[in-house]
Amino acid sequence: MRSRLTAGDVDEAAAVLAERALELPELEHARTVAAYVSVGPEPGTLALLDALRARGVRVLLPALLPDNDLDWGAYTGPDCLVRVRHGSRMALLEPAGERLGPEAVQQADAVLLPGLAVDARGMRLGRGGGSYDRVLARLERAGADPALVVLLYDAEVVERVPEEAHDRPVHAVVTPSGVRRFR
C-alpha cells in the first residue's frame, strides 16, 4: 500500500498524524521523546519532531549501529540530519553530532516506534531488523516504562500480526483517522 502513495499523500498524512499525536497526553507532558525520522512512504515524522521541539521537548533520534542496535543523538532541527547509508540497506536520516549511547532511550517519557502494522492487541510488526526489539528489551531491563506509540496509516491497523516471544505490545497507535489505545 505504501508504494502506491504519492509524496503529496505522505505529506498530507504527516500533517494530520502530527496534529493527532500532539494531542496525546503522553506527548503533551513529555520532557524527552525518542523518535525516528521517516523515510520514503513511511508515515511522516518531521512535522511532529519540529512541533515537539517547538514545545521545548528534548527529541532523541536513533543512529543505526553495525550490529543493528541503536545509538541516540539529539534532534536540533532539520539541519542536524545527515543521510547515512548502511551497507546495501536504505539510507537513513540520522542526527549529526554527539552520540549519547544506546542507554539514552531510557530517559524518554515516550518512544515513537516505526512499524508496518499494529494489531488489535497492540502487537507491532516492525521492519525485521530487530533494532527496536532491542530498544524495548533495554527499556524493560532498566525498569523504564515510557509510552510506546506507533504512527501508521489507517489500513495498517489489522486484526493480527505475527508475534514472537520477545515482542512487546505498544500502548497506542496514531493514524490519520484517530488514536487507538491498547493498555
N, C-alpha and C. Protein backbone atom coordinates (compact mmCIF):
# COMPACT_ATOMS: atom_id res chain seq x y z
N MET A 1 0.81 -1.18 0.00
CA MET A 1 0.00 0.00 0.00
C MET A 1 0.87 1.26 0.00
N ARG A 2 1.94 1.25 0.81
CA ARG A 2 2.80 2.43 0.90
C ARG A 2 3.44 2.77 -0.44
N SER A 3 3.74 1.76 -1.23
CA SER A 3 4.42 2.02 -2.51
C SER A 3 3.52 2.79 -3.49
N ARG A 4 2.21 2.78 -3.26
CA ARG A 4 1.29 3.50 -4.15
C ARG A 4 1.06 4.94 -3.71
N LEU A 5 1.60 5.35 -2.59
CA LEU A 5 1.39 6.71 -2.09
C LEU A 5 2.26 7.70 -2.84
N THR A 6 1.69 8.86 -3.12
CA THR A 6 2.47 9.94 -3.72
C THR A 6 3.13 10.75 -2.60
N ALA A 7 4.08 11.59 -2.97
CA ALA A 7 4.70 12.47 -1.98
C ALA A 7 3.65 13.36 -1.33
N GLY A 8 2.68 13.79 -2.10
CA GLY A 8 1.60 14.61 -1.57
C GLY A 8 0.76 13.85 -0.55
N ASP A 9 0.49 12.57 -0.82
CA ASP A 9 -0.25 11.74 0.13
C ASP A 9 0.50 11.63 1.46
N VAL A 10 1.80 11.40 1.36
CA VAL A 10 2.64 11.24 2.55
C VAL A 10 2.66 12.55 3.34
N ASP A 11 2.84 13.67 2.66
CA ASP A 11 2.87 14.97 3.33
C ASP A 11 1.55 15.29 4.01
N GLU A 12 0.46 15.01 3.32
CA GLU A 12 -0.87 15.29 3.88
C GLU A 12 -1.11 14.44 5.14
N ALA A 13 -0.79 13.16 5.06
CA ALA A 13 -0.95 12.29 6.22
C ALA A 13 -0.04 12.71 7.36
N ALA A 14 1.18 13.15 7.04
CA ALA A 14 2.13 13.57 8.08
C ALA A 14 1.59 14.74 8.89
N ALA A 15 0.96 15.69 8.23
CA ALA A 15 0.40 16.85 8.92
C ALA A 15 -0.71 16.41 9.88
N VAL A 16 -1.57 15.52 9.42
CA VAL A 16 -2.67 15.04 10.26
C VAL A 16 -2.12 14.19 11.41
N LEU A 17 -1.15 13.33 11.11
CA LEU A 17 -0.55 12.50 12.16
C LEU A 17 0.09 13.36 13.25
N ALA A 18 0.80 14.40 12.85
CA ALA A 18 1.43 15.28 13.83
C ALA A 18 0.37 15.93 14.71
N GLU A 19 -0.70 16.41 14.11
CA GLU A 19 -1.78 17.05 14.87
C GLU A 19 -2.38 16.06 15.88
N ARG A 20 -2.67 14.86 15.43
CA ARG A 20 -3.27 13.85 16.32
C ARG A 20 -2.29 13.44 17.43
N ALA A 21 -1.05 13.22 17.06
CA ALA A 21 -0.06 12.79 18.06
C ALA A 21 0.17 13.87 19.11
N LEU A 22 0.18 15.11 18.71
CA LEU A 22 0.42 16.20 19.66
C LEU A 22 -0.71 16.34 20.68
N GLU A 23 -1.87 15.77 20.38
CA GLU A 23 -3.00 15.79 21.32
C GLU A 23 -2.89 14.69 22.38
N LEU A 24 -1.98 13.73 22.18
CA LEU A 24 -1.82 12.66 23.16
C LEU A 24 -1.28 13.22 24.48
N PRO A 25 -1.92 12.90 25.59
CA PRO A 25 -1.38 13.36 26.88
C PRO A 25 0.06 12.89 27.10
N GLU A 26 0.38 11.69 26.59
CA GLU A 26 1.73 11.15 26.75
C GLU A 26 2.78 12.04 26.09
N LEU A 27 2.42 12.69 25.00
CA LEU A 27 3.37 13.59 24.33
C LEU A 27 3.22 15.01 24.85
N GLU A 28 2.02 15.37 25.25
CA GLU A 28 1.78 16.73 25.76
C GLU A 28 2.60 17.01 27.00
N HIS A 29 2.79 15.98 27.84
CA HIS A 29 3.50 16.16 29.10
C HIS A 29 4.94 15.64 29.06
N ALA A 30 5.37 15.15 27.93
CA ALA A 30 6.72 14.57 27.83
C ALA A 30 7.80 15.65 27.86
N ARG A 31 8.87 15.34 28.54
CA ARG A 31 10.06 16.21 28.53
C ARG A 31 11.07 15.71 27.49
N THR A 32 11.12 14.37 27.32
CA THR A 32 12.01 13.75 26.34
C THR A 32 11.22 12.73 25.55
N VAL A 33 11.35 12.79 24.23
CA VAL A 33 10.70 11.82 23.35
C VAL A 33 11.76 11.21 22.45
N ALA A 34 11.84 9.89 22.43
CA ALA A 34 12.70 9.19 21.47
C ALA A 34 11.83 8.93 20.24
N ALA A 35 12.33 9.30 19.08
CA ALA A 35 11.53 9.20 17.86
C ALA A 35 12.42 8.65 16.75
N TYR A 36 12.02 8.88 15.52
CA TYR A 36 12.80 8.47 14.36
C TYR A 36 12.42 9.39 13.21
N VAL A 37 13.26 9.41 12.20
CA VAL A 37 12.98 10.20 11.00
C VAL A 37 12.45 9.25 9.95
N SER A 38 11.24 9.51 9.50
CA SER A 38 10.63 8.65 8.49
C SER A 38 11.39 8.77 7.17
N VAL A 39 11.34 7.70 6.40
CA VAL A 39 11.96 7.71 5.08
C VAL A 39 10.94 7.20 4.05
N GLY A 40 11.05 7.70 2.85
CA GLY A 40 10.19 7.24 1.77
C GLY A 40 8.72 7.39 2.11
N PRO A 41 7.95 6.34 1.86
CA PRO A 41 6.50 6.43 2.09
C PRO A 41 6.06 6.10 3.52
N GLU A 42 7.01 5.99 4.47
CA GLU A 42 6.62 5.78 5.86
C GLU A 42 5.77 6.96 6.32
N PRO A 43 4.87 6.74 7.28
CA PRO A 43 4.15 7.88 7.84
C PRO A 43 5.13 8.95 8.30
N GLY A 44 4.95 10.16 7.82
CA GLY A 44 5.92 11.23 8.04
C GLY A 44 6.05 11.66 9.49
N THR A 45 7.28 11.94 9.91
CA THR A 45 7.53 12.34 11.30
C THR A 45 8.13 13.73 11.45
N LEU A 46 8.67 14.33 10.40
CA LEU A 46 9.40 15.60 10.58
C LEU A 46 8.53 16.72 11.16
N ALA A 47 7.29 16.84 10.72
CA ALA A 47 6.41 17.88 11.26
C ALA A 47 6.21 17.67 12.76
N LEU A 48 6.06 16.42 13.17
CA LEU A 48 5.89 16.11 14.58
C LEU A 48 7.16 16.41 15.36
N LEU A 49 8.31 16.04 14.82
CA LEU A 49 9.58 16.30 15.50
C LEU A 49 9.76 17.80 15.73
N ASP A 50 9.48 18.58 14.71
CA ASP A 50 9.64 20.03 14.83
C ASP A 50 8.64 20.63 15.82
N ALA A 51 7.41 20.13 15.83
CA ALA A 51 6.41 20.63 16.77
C ALA A 51 6.79 20.28 18.21
N LEU A 52 7.30 19.08 18.42
CA LEU A 52 7.76 18.70 19.76
C LEU A 52 8.89 19.61 20.21
N ARG A 53 9.84 19.83 19.33
CA ARG A 53 10.97 20.71 19.65
C ARG A 53 10.49 22.11 19.99
N ALA A 54 9.52 22.61 19.22
CA ALA A 54 8.97 23.96 19.46
C ALA A 54 8.32 24.05 20.84
N ARG A 55 7.82 22.94 21.35
CA ARG A 55 7.24 22.89 22.70
C ARG A 55 8.29 22.83 23.79
N GLY A 56 9.56 22.70 23.40
CA GLY A 56 10.62 22.58 24.38
C GLY A 56 10.94 21.15 24.76
N VAL A 57 10.41 20.19 24.01
CA VAL A 57 10.68 18.77 24.28
C VAL A 57 12.06 18.42 23.73
N ARG A 58 12.80 17.66 24.49
CA ARG A 58 14.08 17.12 24.01
C ARG A 58 13.74 15.91 23.15
N VAL A 59 14.16 15.93 21.89
CA VAL A 59 13.87 14.84 20.96
C VAL A 59 15.16 14.08 20.68
N LEU A 60 15.11 12.77 20.91
CA LEU A 60 16.24 11.90 20.62
C LEU A 60 15.94 11.11 19.35
N LEU A 61 16.93 11.02 18.49
CA LEU A 61 16.78 10.27 17.24
C LEU A 61 17.84 9.17 17.18
N PRO A 62 17.50 8.06 16.55
CA PRO A 62 18.42 6.93 16.51
C PRO A 62 19.49 7.06 15.43
N ALA A 63 20.60 6.41 15.71
CA ALA A 63 21.66 6.21 14.73
C ALA A 63 21.93 4.70 14.74
N LEU A 64 21.80 4.08 13.59
CA LEU A 64 21.94 2.63 13.48
C LEU A 64 23.41 2.23 13.64
N LEU A 65 23.65 1.27 14.53
CA LEU A 65 24.99 0.73 14.76
C LEU A 65 25.21 -0.49 13.87
N PRO A 66 26.46 -0.89 13.66
CA PRO A 66 26.74 -2.04 12.77
C PRO A 66 26.03 -3.33 13.18
N ASP A 67 25.74 -3.51 14.47
CA ASP A 67 25.06 -4.74 14.92
C ASP A 67 23.54 -4.60 14.95
N ASN A 68 23.01 -3.55 14.33
CA ASN A 68 21.58 -3.23 14.26
C ASN A 68 21.01 -2.68 15.56
N ASP A 69 21.83 -2.46 16.58
CA ASP A 69 21.36 -1.77 17.77
C ASP A 69 21.28 -0.28 17.44
N LEU A 70 20.73 0.50 18.35
CA LEU A 70 20.58 1.93 18.10
C LEU A 70 21.32 2.75 19.14
N ASP A 71 22.08 3.71 18.66
CA ASP A 71 22.64 4.77 19.49
C ASP A 71 21.67 5.93 19.34
N TRP A 72 21.84 6.99 20.10
CA TRP A 72 20.90 8.11 20.05
C TRP A 72 21.64 9.43 20.03
N GLY A 73 21.04 10.41 19.39
CA GLY A 73 21.56 11.77 19.35
C GLY A 73 20.40 12.74 19.44
N ALA A 74 20.70 13.97 19.80
CA ALA A 74 19.66 14.99 19.96
C ALA A 74 19.28 15.58 18.61
N TYR A 75 17.99 15.78 18.43
CA TYR A 75 17.47 16.46 17.23
C TYR A 75 17.40 17.94 17.54
N THR A 76 18.13 18.72 16.76
CA THR A 76 18.16 20.17 16.96
C THR A 76 17.54 20.91 15.78
N GLY A 77 16.89 20.18 14.91
CA GLY A 77 16.25 20.77 13.74
C GLY A 77 16.68 20.05 12.48
N PRO A 78 15.98 20.31 11.37
CA PRO A 78 16.28 19.60 10.12
C PRO A 78 17.73 19.71 9.67
N ASP A 79 18.40 20.81 10.02
CA ASP A 79 19.79 20.98 9.59
C ASP A 79 20.76 20.02 10.28
N CYS A 80 20.32 19.38 11.36
CA CYS A 80 21.22 18.46 12.07
C CYS A 80 21.20 17.07 11.47
N LEU A 81 20.33 16.84 10.50
CA LEU A 81 20.19 15.49 9.94
C LEU A 81 21.16 15.24 8.80
N VAL A 82 21.76 14.07 8.82
CA VAL A 82 22.65 13.65 7.73
C VAL A 82 22.15 12.32 7.19
N ARG A 83 22.28 12.14 5.89
CA ARG A 83 21.87 10.89 5.24
C ARG A 83 23.02 9.89 5.37
N VAL A 84 22.73 8.75 5.96
CA VAL A 84 23.74 7.72 6.19
C VAL A 84 23.27 6.43 5.53
N ARG A 85 24.13 5.88 4.67
CA ARG A 85 23.81 4.60 4.04
C ARG A 85 24.47 3.50 4.86
N HIS A 86 23.69 2.48 5.17
CA HIS A 86 24.18 1.36 5.97
C HIS A 86 24.28 0.14 5.07
N GLY A 87 25.44 -0.08 4.51
CA GLY A 87 25.66 -1.21 3.60
C GLY A 87 24.73 -1.12 2.41
N SER A 88 24.09 -2.21 2.10
CA SER A 88 23.20 -2.25 0.94
C SER A 88 21.78 -1.83 1.31
N ARG A 89 21.55 -1.56 2.59
CA ARG A 89 20.22 -1.15 3.02
C ARG A 89 19.95 0.30 2.65
N MET A 90 18.71 0.73 2.87
CA MET A 90 18.34 2.10 2.53
C MET A 90 19.12 3.11 3.35
N ALA A 91 19.21 4.30 2.83
CA ALA A 91 19.85 5.39 3.56
C ALA A 91 18.87 5.91 4.60
N LEU A 92 19.38 6.22 5.77
CA LEU A 92 18.57 6.76 6.86
C LEU A 92 19.02 8.17 7.18
N LEU A 93 18.11 8.99 7.67
CA LEU A 93 18.47 10.31 8.18
C LEU A 93 18.74 10.17 9.67
N GLU A 94 19.95 10.54 10.07
CA GLU A 94 20.37 10.39 11.46
C GLU A 94 20.89 11.73 11.98
N PRO A 95 20.86 11.92 13.29
CA PRO A 95 21.35 13.19 13.83
C PRO A 95 22.87 13.26 13.76
N ALA A 96 23.37 14.40 13.30
CA ALA A 96 24.82 14.64 13.35
C ALA A 96 25.15 15.04 14.79
N GLY A 97 26.39 14.97 15.13
CA GLY A 97 26.77 15.44 16.46
C GLY A 97 26.97 14.32 17.45
N GLU A 98 27.00 14.70 18.70
CA GLU A 98 27.35 13.80 19.79
C GLU A 98 26.41 12.60 19.88
N ARG A 99 26.99 11.44 20.09
CA ARG A 99 26.23 10.23 20.34
C ARG A 99 26.08 10.06 21.84
N LEU A 100 24.88 9.71 22.27
CA LEU A 100 24.55 9.65 23.69
C LEU A 100 24.57 8.24 24.25
N GLY A 101 24.73 7.23 23.38
CA GLY A 101 24.78 5.85 23.81
C GLY A 101 23.42 5.18 23.72
N PRO A 102 23.43 3.85 23.59
CA PRO A 102 22.18 3.10 23.48
C PRO A 102 21.25 3.27 24.69
N GLU A 103 21.81 3.54 25.86
CA GLU A 103 21.00 3.68 27.07
C GLU A 103 20.26 5.01 27.15
N ALA A 104 20.57 5.97 26.30
CA ALA A 104 19.92 7.29 26.35
C ALA A 104 18.41 7.18 26.19
N VAL A 105 17.93 6.16 25.50
CA VAL A 105 16.49 5.98 25.31
C VAL A 105 15.77 5.80 26.64
N GLN A 106 16.47 5.36 27.67
CA GLN A 106 15.86 5.16 28.98
C GLN A 106 15.38 6.46 29.60
N GLN A 107 15.84 7.60 29.10
CA GLN A 107 15.42 8.91 29.61
C GLN A 107 14.09 9.37 29.00
N ALA A 108 13.60 8.65 28.00
CA ALA A 108 12.41 9.08 27.26
C ALA A 108 11.13 8.84 28.05
N ASP A 109 10.25 9.83 28.00
CA ASP A 109 8.91 9.70 28.56
C ASP A 109 7.98 9.00 27.57
N ALA A 110 8.33 9.09 26.29
CA ALA A 110 7.57 8.44 25.22
C ALA A 110 8.55 8.01 24.14
N VAL A 111 8.23 6.88 23.49
CA VAL A 111 9.05 6.39 22.39
C VAL A 111 8.12 6.20 21.19
N LEU A 112 8.45 6.87 20.09
CA LEU A 112 7.73 6.69 18.83
C LEU A 112 8.45 5.60 18.06
N LEU A 113 7.74 4.53 17.76
CA LEU A 113 8.33 3.36 17.11
C LEU A 113 7.88 3.27 15.66
N PRO A 114 8.79 2.96 14.75
CA PRO A 114 8.35 2.71 13.38
C PRO A 114 7.70 1.33 13.31
N GLY A 115 6.89 1.13 12.31
CA GLY A 115 6.27 -0.17 12.14
C GLY A 115 5.61 -0.29 10.79
N LEU A 116 5.23 -1.51 10.47
CA LEU A 116 4.48 -1.79 9.25
C LEU A 116 3.01 -2.03 9.55
N ALA A 117 2.74 -2.48 10.78
CA ALA A 117 1.35 -2.73 11.18
C ALA A 117 1.30 -2.89 12.70
N VAL A 118 0.10 -2.70 13.24
CA VAL A 118 -0.19 -2.99 14.64
C VAL A 118 -1.52 -3.72 14.64
N ASP A 119 -1.62 -4.73 15.54
CA ASP A 119 -2.87 -5.48 15.56
C ASP A 119 -3.77 -5.07 16.71
N ALA A 120 -4.90 -5.73 16.81
CA ALA A 120 -5.93 -5.39 17.79
C ALA A 120 -5.46 -5.56 19.23
N ARG A 121 -4.35 -6.29 19.44
CA ARG A 121 -3.79 -6.47 20.79
C ARG A 121 -2.71 -5.44 21.10
N GLY A 122 -2.33 -4.65 20.09
CA GLY A 122 -1.23 -3.70 20.28
C GLY A 122 0.12 -4.27 19.90
N MET A 123 0.15 -5.44 19.29
CA MET A 123 1.41 -6.02 18.86
C MET A 123 1.85 -5.33 17.56
N ARG A 124 3.12 -4.98 17.51
CA ARG A 124 3.67 -4.21 16.38
C ARG A 124 4.47 -5.13 15.47
N LEU A 125 4.27 -4.96 14.19
CA LEU A 125 5.10 -5.63 13.20
C LEU A 125 6.14 -4.62 12.75
N GLY A 126 7.41 -4.89 13.06
CA GLY A 126 8.49 -3.99 12.69
C GLY A 126 8.99 -4.28 11.29
N ARG A 127 10.15 -3.73 10.99
CA ARG A 127 10.71 -3.88 9.65
C ARG A 127 11.64 -5.09 9.53
N GLY A 128 11.82 -5.82 10.63
CA GLY A 128 12.58 -7.06 10.54
C GLY A 128 14.03 -6.98 10.97
N GLY A 129 14.55 -5.81 11.30
CA GLY A 129 15.95 -5.70 11.69
C GLY A 129 16.20 -5.97 13.16
N GLY A 130 15.16 -5.89 13.98
CA GLY A 130 15.31 -6.14 15.41
C GLY A 130 15.82 -4.97 16.23
N SER A 131 16.08 -3.84 15.60
CA SER A 131 16.63 -2.69 16.33
C SER A 131 15.71 -2.24 17.46
N TYR A 132 14.43 -2.12 17.16
CA TYR A 132 13.51 -1.64 18.19
C TYR A 132 13.14 -2.74 19.18
N ASP A 133 13.27 -4.00 18.80
CA ASP A 133 13.11 -5.07 19.77
C ASP A 133 14.20 -4.93 20.84
N ARG A 134 15.39 -4.58 20.43
CA ARG A 134 16.49 -4.36 21.39
C ARG A 134 16.20 -3.17 22.28
N VAL A 135 15.66 -2.11 21.68
CA VAL A 135 15.31 -0.92 22.47
C VAL A 135 14.28 -1.29 23.53
N LEU A 136 13.24 -2.01 23.13
CA LEU A 136 12.18 -2.36 24.08
C LEU A 136 12.72 -3.28 25.18
N ALA A 137 13.59 -4.20 24.83
CA ALA A 137 14.20 -5.07 25.84
C ALA A 137 15.07 -4.25 26.79
N ARG A 138 15.80 -3.28 26.27
CA ARG A 138 16.65 -2.42 27.11
C ARG A 138 15.79 -1.63 28.09
N LEU A 139 14.68 -1.09 27.61
CA LEU A 139 13.78 -0.34 28.48
C LEU A 139 13.22 -1.24 29.58
N GLU A 140 12.83 -2.44 29.21
CA GLU A 140 12.27 -3.38 30.19
C GLU A 140 13.30 -3.74 31.25
N ARG A 141 14.53 -4.05 30.82
CA ARG A 141 15.60 -4.40 31.78
C ARG A 141 15.88 -3.26 32.75
N ALA A 142 15.76 -2.02 32.27
CA ALA A 142 16.04 -0.86 33.10
C ALA A 142 14.86 -0.48 33.99
N GLY A 143 13.72 -1.12 33.79
CA GLY A 143 12.53 -0.77 34.55
C GLY A 143 11.90 0.53 34.07
N ALA A 144 12.27 0.97 32.88
CA ALA A 144 11.69 2.19 32.31
C ALA A 144 10.35 1.84 31.68
N ASP A 145 9.39 2.76 31.77
CA ASP A 145 8.05 2.49 31.25
C ASP A 145 7.52 3.69 30.45
N PRO A 146 8.23 4.06 29.38
CA PRO A 146 7.72 5.18 28.58
C PRO A 146 6.49 4.76 27.79
N ALA A 147 5.71 5.72 27.36
CA ALA A 147 4.59 5.44 26.45
C ALA A 147 5.18 4.97 25.13
N LEU A 148 4.65 3.89 24.59
CA LEU A 148 5.11 3.34 23.31
C LEU A 148 4.03 3.61 22.27
N VAL A 149 4.38 4.40 21.27
CA VAL A 149 3.40 4.88 20.29
C VAL A 149 3.92 4.60 18.88
N VAL A 150 3.03 4.12 18.01
CA VAL A 150 3.37 3.85 16.62
C VAL A 150 2.52 4.77 15.74
N LEU A 151 3.14 5.34 14.71
CA LEU A 151 2.43 6.14 13.71
C LEU A 151 2.22 5.28 12.48
N LEU A 152 0.98 5.13 12.04
CA LEU A 152 0.67 4.28 10.89
C LEU A 152 -0.42 4.91 10.04
N TYR A 153 -0.60 4.36 8.84
CA TYR A 153 -1.76 4.69 8.02
C TYR A 153 -2.92 3.83 8.51
N ASP A 154 -4.14 4.28 8.23
CA ASP A 154 -5.34 3.59 8.73
C ASP A 154 -5.37 2.10 8.37
N ALA A 155 -5.04 1.76 7.16
CA ALA A 155 -5.12 0.36 6.71
C ALA A 155 -4.09 -0.54 7.38
N GLU A 156 -3.15 0.04 8.12
CA GLU A 156 -2.08 -0.75 8.75
C GLU A 156 -2.43 -1.19 10.17
N VAL A 157 -3.61 -0.84 10.65
CA VAL A 157 -4.11 -1.39 11.91
C VAL A 157 -4.96 -2.59 11.50
N VAL A 158 -4.46 -3.77 11.86
CA VAL A 158 -5.03 -5.03 11.36
C VAL A 158 -5.49 -5.91 12.52
N GLU A 159 -6.15 -7.01 12.18
CA GLU A 159 -6.66 -7.92 13.21
C GLU A 159 -5.53 -8.62 13.96
N ARG A 160 -4.51 -9.11 13.23
CA ARG A 160 -3.44 -9.86 13.89
C ARG A 160 -2.15 -9.80 13.08
N VAL A 161 -1.03 -9.64 13.78
CA VAL A 161 0.29 -9.71 13.14
C VAL A 161 1.03 -10.89 13.76
N PRO A 162 2.03 -11.41 13.06
CA PRO A 162 2.84 -12.49 13.65
C PRO A 162 3.51 -11.99 14.93
N GLU A 163 3.67 -12.87 15.88
CA GLU A 163 4.24 -12.49 17.17
C GLU A 163 5.30 -13.51 17.58
N GLU A 164 6.41 -13.01 18.13
CA GLU A 164 7.46 -13.87 18.67
C GLU A 164 7.56 -13.61 20.17
N ALA A 165 8.23 -14.49 20.87
CA ALA A 165 8.30 -14.41 22.34
C ALA A 165 8.86 -13.09 22.84
N HIS A 166 9.77 -12.46 22.10
CA HIS A 166 10.40 -11.22 22.55
C HIS A 166 9.56 -9.97 22.24
N ASP A 167 8.51 -10.12 21.46
CA ASP A 167 7.70 -8.95 21.08
C ASP A 167 6.94 -8.39 22.27
N ARG A 168 6.80 -7.07 22.29
CA ARG A 168 6.09 -6.37 23.35
C ARG A 168 5.00 -5.51 22.72
N PRO A 169 3.84 -5.42 23.36
CA PRO A 169 2.78 -4.58 22.81
C PRO A 169 3.08 -3.10 23.00
N VAL A 170 2.53 -2.30 22.12
CA VAL A 170 2.63 -0.84 22.25
C VAL A 170 1.40 -0.35 23.01
N HIS A 171 1.46 0.91 23.44
CA HIS A 171 0.36 1.48 24.20
C HIS A 171 -0.68 2.16 23.32
N ALA A 172 -0.23 2.67 22.17
CA ALA A 172 -1.16 3.40 21.30
C ALA A 172 -0.65 3.40 19.87
N VAL A 173 -1.60 3.51 18.95
CA VAL A 173 -1.28 3.73 17.54
C VAL A 173 -2.02 4.99 17.12
N VAL A 174 -1.32 5.84 16.38
CA VAL A 174 -1.90 7.06 15.84
C VAL A 174 -1.99 6.89 14.33
N THR A 175 -3.19 7.08 13.80
CA THR A 175 -3.41 7.05 12.35
C THR A 175 -4.09 8.35 11.95
N PRO A 176 -4.18 8.65 10.68
CA PRO A 176 -4.85 9.87 10.26
C PRO A 176 -6.30 9.96 10.77
N SER A 177 -6.96 8.83 10.98
CA SER A 177 -8.35 8.90 11.43
C SER A 177 -8.50 8.91 12.96
N GLY A 178 -7.42 8.72 13.70
CA GLY A 178 -7.56 8.79 15.15
C GLY A 178 -6.52 8.02 15.91
N VAL A 179 -6.78 7.84 17.21
CA VAL A 179 -5.87 7.18 18.13
C VAL A 179 -6.57 5.92 18.65
N ARG A 180 -5.82 4.85 18.74
CA ARG A 180 -6.33 3.63 19.36
C ARG A 180 -5.37 3.24 20.47
N ARG A 181 -5.91 2.98 21.65
CA ARG A 181 -5.10 2.62 22.82
C ARG A 181 -5.23 1.13 23.09
N PHE A 182 -4.17 0.57 23.68
CA PHE A 182 -4.14 -0.86 23.92
C PHE A 182 -3.90 -1.25 25.37
N ARG A 183 -3.69 -0.31 26.26
CA ARG A 183 -3.36 -0.67 27.63
C ARG A 183 -4.60 -0.77 28.46
